[in-house]
Amino acid sequence: MAYRRTPGVDARRAATRDRVLGVTRELLAETGYAGCSIAAVAKRAGVAAGSVYLHFPNKADLLAEAFRVVVRHEVEAVAQAVLAAPDHRAGVIAVVETFAGRALKAPRLAYALLAEPIDAAVERERLRFRLAFRDIVAEVLDQAVRRGELPPQNPAVTAAALVGAVGEVLVGPLAAGHADPDTIPNLISFCLRAIGADDAVHP
């Protein structure tokens, strides 16, 4: 007779997996990838290291999944901010303010997401992360170009350039743990000029 797991066992396994991922996210925010060993994660989660390995074969798989979970929340936050924006200009501002603002509130975690050197599995997730933000910006730009509100341009190329620029500007402040007060306003002005929209100084 084949062994069947009971619903209670499945629920406990799922709860353990969620706890392990939550702890990994906490350690990422505190120490970056270096502090996220299987032993450290297991100790904080209150489980044996073997329990972690039941869900994640190795550290790379654990970190890649934790990365996906964290990024999903970040992408959703930016997408919701854009949906609430009344026009393309406000949409671009919402992207920068939400993305950069959330990053600067959790600089160690954001640095891990954006720039900290890590293995290939997480690098692949990092690329998907950037593409997800690019697609959000590209949709805003595409609609604005179609309505004649912005000069003709390739929305995907412009969006990729903006996401890259914002990430590059943030790397230094995130590594240092703080940013100048004018960092986000300057980023917003740059992005508006780059897409051909008015900003406060250059209509």
C-alpha atoms as a PDB file:
ATOM      1  CA  MET A   1       0.000   0.000   0.000  1.00  0.00           C
ATOM      2  CA  ALA A   2       1.422   3.352  -1.056  1.00  0.00           C
ATOM      3  CA  TYR A   3       2.194   5.867   1.662  1.00  0.00           C
ATOM      4  CA  ARG A   4       0.137   9.033   1.534  1.00  0.00           C
ATOM      5  CA  ARG A   5       0.964  12.198   3.411  1.00  0.00           C
ATOM      6  CA  THR A   6      -1.875  13.578   5.487  1.00  0.00           C
ATOM      7  CA  PRO A   7      -3.085  17.178   5.019  1.00  0.00           C
ATOM      8  CA  GLY A   8      -1.591  18.009   8.416  1.00  0.00           C
ATOM      9  CA  VAL A   9       1.854  16.864   7.317  1.00  0.00           C
ATOM     10  CA  ASP A  10       1.629  18.883   4.126  1.00  0.00           C
ATOM     11  CA  ALA A  11       0.550  21.958   6.075  1.00  0.00           C
ATOM     12  CA  ARG A  12       3.494  21.609   8.481  1.00  0.00           C
ATOM     13  CA  ARG A  13       5.916  21.190   5.595  1.00  0.00           C
ATOM     14  CA  ALA A  14       4.508  24.294   3.908  1.00  0.00           C
ATOM     15  CA  ALA A  15       4.716  26.250   7.167  1.00  0.00           C
ATOM     16  CA  THR A  16       8.340  25.218   7.647  1.00  0.00           C
ATOM     17  CA  ARG A  17       9.187  26.227   4.092  1.00  0.00           C
ATOM     18  CA  ASP A  18       7.539  29.620   4.562  1.00  0.00           C
ATOM     19  CA  ARG A  19       9.376  30.126   7.870  1.00  0.00           C
ATOM     20  CA  VAL A  20      12.702  29.274   6.252  1.00  0.00           C
ATOM     21  CA  LEU A  21      12.065  31.772   3.447  1.00  0.00           C
ATOM     22  CA  GLY A  22      11.007  34.452   5.912  1.00  0.00           C
ATOM     23  CA  VAL A  23      14.156  33.957   7.974  1.00  0.00           C
ATOM     24  CA  THR A  24      16.292  34.052   4.832  1.00  0.00           C
ATOM     25  CA  ARG A  25      14.752  37.387   3.922  1.00  0.00           C
ATOM     26  CA  GLU A  26      15.542  38.704   7.412  1.00  0.00           C
ATOM     27  CA  LEU A  27      19.166  37.583   7.163  1.00  0.00           C
ATOM     28  CA  LEU A  28      19.491  39.118   3.697  1.00  0.00           C
ATOM     29  CA  ALA A  29      18.312  42.432   5.118  1.00  0.00           C
ATOM     30  CA  GLU A  30      20.799  42.199   7.980  1.00  0.00           C
ATOM     31  CA  THR A  31      23.915  40.638   6.500  1.00  0.00           C
ATOM     32  CA  GLY A  32      23.454  40.129   2.761  1.00  0.00           C
ATOM     33  CA  TYR A  33      24.160  36.799   1.104  1.00  0.00           C
ATOM     34  CA  ALA A  34      27.252  36.113   3.194  1.00  0.00           C
ATOM     35  CA  GLY A  35      25.190  35.609   6.340  1.00  0.00           C
ATOM     36  CA  CYS A  36      22.645  33.295   4.724  1.00  0.00           C
ATOM     37  CA  SER A  37      24.309  29.957   5.235  1.00  0.00           C
ATOM     38  CA  ILE A  38      22.053  26.937   5.615  1.00  0.00           C
ATOM     39  CA  ALA A  39      23.234  26.602   9.226  1.00  0.00           C
ATOM     40  CA  ALA A  40      22.401  30.237  10.036  1.00  0.00           C
ATOM     41  CA  VAL A  41      18.985  30.013   8.413  1.00  0.00           C
ATOM     42  CA  ALA A  42      18.166  26.764  10.208  1.00  0.00           C
ATOM     43  CA  LYS A  43      19.237  28.150  13.579  1.00  0.00           C
ATOM     44  CA  ARG A  44      17.094  31.265  13.294  1.00  0.00           C
ATOM     45  CA  ALA A  45      14.129  29.303  11.932  1.00  0.00           C
ATOM     46  CA  GLY A  46      14.384  26.877  14.830  1.00  0.00           C
ATOM     47  CA  VAL A  47      14.720  23.803  12.643  1.00  0.00           C
ATOM     48  CA  ALA A  48      17.441  21.304  11.839  1.00  0.00           C
ATOM     49  CA  ALA A  49      19.625  21.956   8.811  1.00  0.00           C
ATOM     50  CA  GLY A  50      18.217  18.773   7.318  1.00  0.00           C
ATOM     51  CA  SER A  51      14.753  20.334   7.357  1.00  0.00           C
ATOM     52  CA  VAL A  52      16.028  23.187   5.211  1.00  0.00           C
ATOM     53  CA  TYR A  53      17.567  20.719   2.768  1.00  0.00           C
ATOM     54  CA  LEU A  54      14.202  18.941   2.432  1.00  0.00           C
ATOM     55  CA  HIS A  55      12.881  22.060   0.732  1.00  0.00           C
ATOM     56  CA  PHE A  56      16.020  23.505  -0.861  1.00  0.00           C
ATOM     57  CA  PRO A  57      18.803  21.192  -2.120  1.00  0.00           C
ATOM     58  CA  ASN A  58      21.493  23.820  -1.622  1.00  0.00           C
ATOM     59  CA  LYS A  59      22.157  27.403  -0.623  1.00  0.00           C
ATOM     60  CA  ALA A  60      21.871  28.672  -4.213  1.00  0.00           C
ATOM     61  CA  ASP A  61      18.336  27.287  -4.554  1.00  0.00           C
ATOM     62  CA  LEU A  62      17.338  28.755  -1.195  1.00  0.00           C
ATOM     63  CA  LEU A  63      18.675  32.209  -2.058  1.00  0.00           C
ATOM     64  CA  ALA A  64      17.143  32.172  -5.536  1.00  0.00           C
ATOM     65  CA  GLU A  65      13.713  31.380  -4.101  1.00  0.00           C
ATOM     66  CA  ALA A  66      14.080  34.002  -1.362  1.00  0.00           C
ATOM     67  CA  PHE A  67      15.103  36.502  -4.039  1.00  0.00           C
ATOM     68  CA  ARG A  68      11.982  35.653  -6.069  1.00  0.00           C
ATOM     69  CA  VAL A  69       9.708  36.115  -3.065  1.00  0.00           C
ATOM     70  CA  VAL A  70      11.178  39.492  -2.107  1.00  0.00           C
ATOM     71  CA  VAL A  71      11.227  40.787  -5.667  1.00  0.00           C
ATOM     72  CA  ARG A  72       7.616  39.753  -6.226  1.00  0.00           C
ATOM     73  CA  HIS A  73       6.589  42.103  -3.404  1.00  0.00           C
ATOM     74  CA  GLU A  74       8.719  44.928  -4.807  1.00  0.00           C
ATOM     75  CA  VAL A  75       7.339  44.544  -8.335  1.00  0.00           C
ATOM     76  CA  GLU A  76       3.775  44.444  -7.020  1.00  0.00           C
ATOM     77  CA  ALA A  77       4.352  47.618  -4.986  1.00  0.00           C
ATOM     78  CA  VAL A  78       5.656  49.484  -8.046  1.00  0.00           C
ATOM     79  CA  ALA A  79       2.874  48.145 -10.274  1.00  0.00           C
ATOM     80  CA  GLN A  80       0.220  49.290  -7.809  1.00  0.00           C
ATOM     81  CA  ALA A  81       1.797  52.746  -7.589  1.00  0.00           C
ATOM     82  CA  VAL A  82       1.734  53.046 -11.381  1.00  0.00           C
ATOM     83  CA  LEU A  83      -1.907  51.946 -11.569  1.00  0.00           C
ATOM     84  CA  ALA A  84      -2.817  54.764  -9.190  1.00  0.00           C
ATOM     85  CA  ALA A  85      -1.008  57.380 -11.321  1.00  0.00           C
ATOM     86  CA  PRO A  86      -3.278  59.617 -13.438  1.00  0.00           C
ATOM     87  CA  ASP A  87      -0.906  60.022 -16.404  1.00  0.00           C
ATOM     88  CA  HIS A  88       2.456  58.982 -17.853  1.00  0.00           C
ATOM     89  CA  ARG A  89       4.404  61.678 -16.041  1.00  0.00           C
ATOM     90  CA  ALA A  90       2.950  60.672 -12.693  1.00  0.00           C
ATOM     91  CA  GLY A  91       3.516  57.027 -13.630  1.00  0.00           C
ATOM     92  CA  VAL A  92       7.249  57.509 -14.168  1.00  0.00           C
ATOM     93  CA  ILE A  93       7.498  59.511 -10.955  1.00  0.00           C
ATOM     94  CA  ALA A  94       5.634  56.736  -9.120  1.00  0.00           C
ATOM     95  CA  VAL A  95       8.101  54.142 -10.392  1.00  0.00           C
ATOM     96  CA  VAL A  96      11.137  56.100  -9.220  1.00  0.00           C
ATOM     97  CA  GLU A  97       9.666  57.190  -5.895  1.00  0.00           C
ATOM     98  CA  THR A  98       8.364  53.718  -5.034  1.00  0.00           C
ATOM     99  CA  PHE A  99      11.366  51.736  -6.243  1.00  0.00           C
ATOM    100  CA  ALA A 100      14.027  54.072  -4.849  1.00  0.00           C
ATOM    101  CA  GLY A 101      12.092  54.977  -1.713  1.00  0.00           C
ATOM    102  CA  ARG A 102      11.569  51.360  -0.708  1.00  0.00           C
ATOM    103  CA  ALA A 103      15.200  50.528  -1.520  1.00  0.00           C
ATOM    104  CA  LEU A 104      16.558  53.331   0.646  1.00  0.00           C
ATOM    105  CA  LYS A 105      14.384  52.240   3.574  1.00  0.00           C
ATOM    106  CA  ALA A 106      16.021  48.793   3.500  1.00  0.00           C
ATOM    107  CA  PRO A 107      19.464  49.519   2.026  1.00  0.00           C
ATOM    108  CA  ARG A 108      21.177  46.240   2.920  1.00  0.00           C
ATOM    109  CA  LEU A 109      18.397  44.170   1.416  1.00  0.00           C
ATOM    110  CA  ALA A 110      18.145  46.381  -1.663  1.00  0.00           C
ATOM    111  CA  TYR A 111      21.896  46.199  -2.223  1.00  0.00           C
ATOM    112  CA  ALA A 112      21.660  42.409  -2.126  1.00  0.00           C
ATOM    113  CA  LEU A 113      18.852  42.509  -4.686  1.00  0.00           C
ATOM    114  CA  LEU A 114      20.560  44.960  -7.024  1.00  0.00           C
ATOM    115  CA  ALA A 115      24.301  44.556  -6.886  1.00  0.00           C
ATOM    116  CA  GLU A 116      25.882  42.215  -4.352  1.00  0.00           C
ATOM    117  CA  PRO A 117      28.014  39.563  -6.118  1.00  0.00           C
ATOM    118  CA  ILE A 118      26.392  36.146  -5.956  1.00  0.00           C
ATOM    119  CA  ASP A 119      26.194  32.884  -7.870  1.00  0.00           C
ATOM    120  CA  ALA A 120      24.584  32.298 -11.259  1.00  0.00           C
ATOM    121  CA  ALA A 121      21.199  31.147  -9.921  1.00  0.00           C
ATOM    122  CA  VAL A 122      20.553  34.482  -8.228  1.00  0.00           C
ATOM    123  CA  GLU A 123      22.034  36.426 -11.141  1.00  0.00           C
ATOM    124  CA  ARG A 124      19.369  34.863 -13.373  1.00  0.00           C
ATOM    125  CA  GLU A 125      16.690  36.019 -10.952  1.00  0.00           C
ATOM    126  CA  ARG A 126      18.259  39.479 -10.862  1.00  0.00           C
ATOM    127  CA  LEU A 127      17.901  39.750 -14.638  1.00  0.00           C
ATOM    128  CA  ARG A 128      14.231  38.770 -14.406  1.00  0.00           C
ATOM    129  CA  PHE A 129      13.853  41.418 -11.687  1.00  0.00           C
ATOM    130  CA  ARG A 130      15.190  44.135 -13.971  1.00  0.00           C
ATOM    131  CA  LEU A 131      13.051  42.943 -16.875  1.00  0.00           C
ATOM    132  CA  ALA A 132       9.922  43.049 -14.724  1.00  0.00           C
ATOM    133  CA  PHE A 133      10.545  46.689 -13.823  1.00  0.00           C
ATOM    134  CA  ARG A 134      11.439  47.474 -17.432  1.00  0.00           C
ATOM    135  CA  ASP A 135       8.117  46.079 -18.588  1.00  0.00           C
ATOM    136  CA  ILE A 136       6.178  48.223 -16.104  1.00  0.00           C
ATOM    137  CA  VAL A 137       7.893  51.400 -17.310  1.00  0.00           C
ATOM    138  CA  ALA A 138       7.659  50.381 -20.961  1.00  0.00           C
ATOM    139  CA  GLU A 139       3.886  49.985 -20.704  1.00  0.00           C
ATOM    140  CA  VAL A 140       3.548  53.523 -19.321  1.00  0.00           C
ATOM    141  CA  LEU A 141       5.752  54.937 -22.084  1.00  0.00           C
ATOM    142  CA  ASP A 142       4.081  52.944 -24.854  1.00  0.00           C
ATOM    143  CA  GLN A 143       0.645  54.287 -23.976  1.00  0.00           C
ATOM    144  CA  ALA A 144       1.961  57.849 -23.736  1.00  0.00           C
ATOM    145  CA  VAL A 145       3.695  57.627 -27.130  1.00  0.00           C
ATOM    146  CA  ARG A 146       0.551  56.203 -28.727  1.00  0.00           C
ATOM    147  CA  ARG A 147      -1.473  59.121 -27.361  1.00  0.00           C
ATOM    148  CA  GLY A 148       1.059  61.623 -28.627  1.00  0.00           C
ATOM    149  CA  GLU A 149       1.990  62.741 -25.128  1.00  0.00           C
ATOM    150  CA  LEU A 150       5.676  61.823 -25.582  1.00  0.00           C
ATOM    151  CA  PRO A 151       8.031  62.005 -28.568  1.00  0.00           C
ATOM    152  CA  PRO A 152       8.309  58.828 -30.687  1.00  0.00           C
ATOM    153  CA  GLN A 153      10.710  56.349 -29.098  1.00  0.00           C
ATOM    154  CA  ASN A 154      11.176  52.649 -28.446  1.00  0.00           C
ATOM    155  CA  PRO A 155       9.473  52.225 -25.054  1.00  0.00           C
ATOM    156  CA  ALA A 156      11.330  49.016 -24.193  1.00  0.00           C
ATOM    157  CA  VAL A 157      14.747  50.551 -24.897  1.00  0.00           C
ATOM    158  CA  THR A 158      13.969  53.744 -22.992  1.00  0.00           C
ATOM    159  CA  ALA A 159      12.527  51.789 -20.076  1.00  0.00           C
ATOM    160  CA  ALA A 160      15.570  49.503 -19.891  1.00  0.00           C
ATOM    161  CA  ALA A 161      17.847  52.553 -19.886  1.00  0.00           C
ATOM    162  CA  LEU A 162      15.857  54.176 -17.077  1.00  0.00           C
ATOM    163  CA  VAL A 163      15.831  51.045 -14.918  1.00  0.00           C
ATOM    164  CA  GLY A 164      19.572  50.657 -15.429  1.00  0.00           C
ATOM    165  CA  ALA A 165      20.223  54.301 -14.579  1.00  0.00           C
ATOM    166  CA  VAL A 166      18.116  54.223 -11.427  1.00  0.00           C
ATOM    167  CA  GLY A 167      19.811  51.040 -10.249  1.00  0.00           C
ATOM    168  CA  GLU A 168      23.269  52.432 -10.943  1.00  0.00           C
ATOM    169  CA  VAL A 169      22.565  55.662  -9.070  1.00  0.00           C
ATOM    170  CA  LEU A 170      21.287  53.744  -6.059  1.00  0.00           C
ATOM    171  CA  VAL A 171      24.192  51.302  -5.746  1.00  0.00           C
ATOM    172  CA  GLY A 172      26.508  53.777  -4.004  1.00  0.00           C
ATOM    173  CA  PRO A 173      23.957  55.064  -1.470  1.00  0.00           C
ATOM    174  CA  LEU A 174      22.742  51.525  -0.744  1.00  0.00           C
ATOM    175  CA  ALA A 175      26.294  50.300  -0.138  1.00  0.00           C
ATOM    176  CA  ALA A 176      26.864  53.254   2.190  1.00  0.00           C
ATOM    177  CA  GLY A 177      23.517  52.793   3.922  1.00  0.00           C
ATOM    178  CA  HIS A 178      22.231  56.297   3.251  1.00  0.00           C
ATOM    179  CA  ALA A 179      21.511  58.739   0.426  1.00  0.00           C
ATOM    180  CA  ASP A 180      21.553  62.503  -0.024  1.00  0.00           C
ATOM    181  CA  PRO A 181      18.108  64.122   0.325  1.00  0.00           C
ATOM    182  CA  ASP A 182      18.133  65.194  -3.316  1.00  0.00           C
ATOM    183  CA  THR A 183      18.875  61.724  -4.729  1.00  0.00           C
ATOM    184  CA  ILE A 184      15.281  60.814  -5.560  1.00  0.00           C
ATOM    185  CA  PRO A 185      14.284  64.302  -6.861  1.00  0.00           C
ATOM    186  CA  ASN A 186      17.340  64.293  -9.135  1.00  0.00           C
ATOM    187  CA  LEU A 187      16.474  60.814 -10.386  1.00  0.00           C
ATOM    188  CA  ILE A 188      12.936  61.924 -11.151  1.00  0.00           C
ATOM    189  CA  SER A 189      14.157  64.967 -13.112  1.00  0.00           C
ATOM    190  CA  PHE A 190      16.599  62.810 -15.058  1.00  0.00           C
ATOM    191  CA  CYS A 191      13.955  60.245 -15.953  1.00  0.00           C
ATOM    192  CA  LEU A 192      11.424  62.861 -17.061  1.00  0.00           C
ATOM    193  CA  ARG A 193      13.989  64.539 -19.307  1.00  0.00           C
ATOM    194  CA  ALA A 194      15.090  61.181 -20.701  1.00  0.00           C
ATOM    195  CA  ILE A 195      11.591  60.271 -21.875  1.00  0.00           C
ATOM    196  CA  GLY A 196      10.957  63.716 -23.326  1.00  0.00           C
ATOM    197  CA  ALA A 197       8.499  64.879 -20.650  1.00  0.00           C
ATOM    198  CA  ASP A 198       8.399  68.216 -18.868  1.00  0.00           C
ATOM    199  CA  ASP A 199      10.074  68.541 -15.524  1.00  0.00           C
ATOM    200  CA  ALA A 200       9.905  71.386 -13.005  1.00  0.00           C
ATOM    201  CA  VAL A 201      12.857  73.207 -14.594  1.00  0.00           C
ATOM    202  CA  HIS A 202      12.741  72.272 -18.274  1.00  0.00           C
ATOM    203  CA  PRO A 203       9.263  72.399 -19.833  1.00  0.00           C
END
